[in-house]
Amino acid sequence: MTDKPDGKAADGQALHALKRDAERYRWLRERDVETIDMGGVFVGKTPENVVLNGIDCDAAVDAARIAEQEPDAGE
């Protein structure tokens, strides 16, 4: 696929990539917390060693992203 001068092809590819990432995140955040006992892919937090899903997963991801952007945010 060649990019058109107006950038629509590149925009479409970027939108597709964003949609795919969103679908991956939704799948992860909706995992059952019992997944750790059944095996498989899940989101976890250390050193607490807890499995996260739903709003708890969102909050942990948001907090980690903020901490990486603002290293002194936790002090």
Protein backbone atom coordinates (compact mmCIF):
# COMPACT_ATOMS: atom_id res chain seq x y z
CA MET A 1 0.00 0.00 0.00
CA THR A 2 1.39 3.37 -0.94
CA ASP A 3 0.77 6.40 1.19
CA LYS A 4 -1.35 9.07 -0.46
CA PRO A 5 -0.08 12.64 -0.37
CA ASP A 6 -2.84 13.56 2.11
CA GLY A 7 -1.67 10.89 4.58
CA LYS A 8 -4.97 8.98 4.70
CA ALA A 9 -3.29 5.58 4.30
CA ALA A 10 -0.89 6.29 7.14
CA ASP A 11 -3.76 7.58 9.28
CA GLY A 12 -5.73 4.42 8.54
CA GLN A 13 -2.79 2.23 9.53
CA ALA A 14 -2.29 4.20 12.75
CA LEU A 15 -6.00 3.93 13.57
CA HIS A 16 -5.90 0.18 12.92
CA ALA A 17 -2.89 -0.18 15.24
CA LEU A 18 -4.65 1.83 17.98
CA LYS A 19 -7.78 -0.29 17.64
CA ARG A 20 -5.73 -3.50 17.89
CA ASP A 21 -3.94 -2.20 21.00
CA ALA A 22 -7.28 -1.22 22.57
CA GLU A 23 -8.68 -4.69 21.87
CA ARG A 24 -5.63 -6.27 23.49
CA TYR A 25 -5.95 -4.09 26.58
CA ARG A 26 -9.70 -4.78 26.89
CA TRP A 27 -8.99 -8.51 26.70
CA LEU A 28 -6.33 -8.24 29.42
CA ARG A 29 -8.41 -6.04 31.74
CA GLU A 30 -11.36 -8.43 31.49
CA ARG A 31 -9.38 -11.53 32.46
CA ASP A 32 -10.70 -13.50 35.42
CA VAL A 33 -8.53 -13.03 38.51
CA GLU A 34 -8.49 -16.82 38.81
CA THR A 35 -6.48 -17.01 35.57
CA ILE A 36 -3.30 -17.29 37.64
CA ASP A 37 -4.50 -20.63 39.01
CA MET A 38 -5.68 -21.86 35.60
CA GLY A 39 -2.62 -20.70 33.68
CA GLY A 40 -2.58 -18.22 30.87
CA VAL A 41 -2.07 -14.53 30.31
CA PHE A 42 -3.02 -12.01 32.97
CA VAL A 43 -2.01 -8.65 34.45
CA GLY A 44 -0.24 -8.77 37.79
CA LYS A 45 1.33 -6.37 40.24
CA THR A 46 4.44 -6.97 42.29
CA PRO A 47 5.63 -7.09 45.01
CA GLU A 48 2.02 -7.58 46.13
CA ASN A 49 1.70 -10.57 43.76
CA VAL A 50 -1.92 -9.85 42.89
CA VAL A 51 -3.79 -10.37 39.65
CA LEU A 52 -5.48 -7.24 38.37
CA ASN A 53 -8.51 -6.74 36.19
CA GLY A 54 -11.17 -4.13 35.51
CA ILE A 55 -10.85 -0.76 37.20
CA ASP A 56 -8.00 -2.04 39.41
CA CYS A 57 -5.99 -2.83 36.28
CA ASP A 58 -6.77 0.61 34.84
CA ALA A 59 -5.68 2.36 38.04
CA ALA A 60 -2.43 0.37 38.29
CA VAL A 61 -1.55 1.06 34.65
CA ASP A 62 -2.36 4.77 35.02
CA ALA A 63 -0.29 5.04 38.21
CA ALA A 64 2.69 3.24 36.67
CA ARG A 65 2.57 5.43 33.56
CA ILE A 66 2.45 8.61 35.66
CA ALA A 67 5.31 7.38 37.85
CA GLU A 68 7.45 6.77 34.76
CA GLN A 69 6.69 10.24 33.38
CA GLU A 70 7.17 12.00 36.71
CA PRO A 71 9.80 10.11 38.73
CA ASP A 72 9.21 12.29 41.83
CA ALA A 73 5.39 11.84 41.73
CA GLY A 74 5.40 9.23 44.50
CA GLU A 75 7.27 11.39 47.02
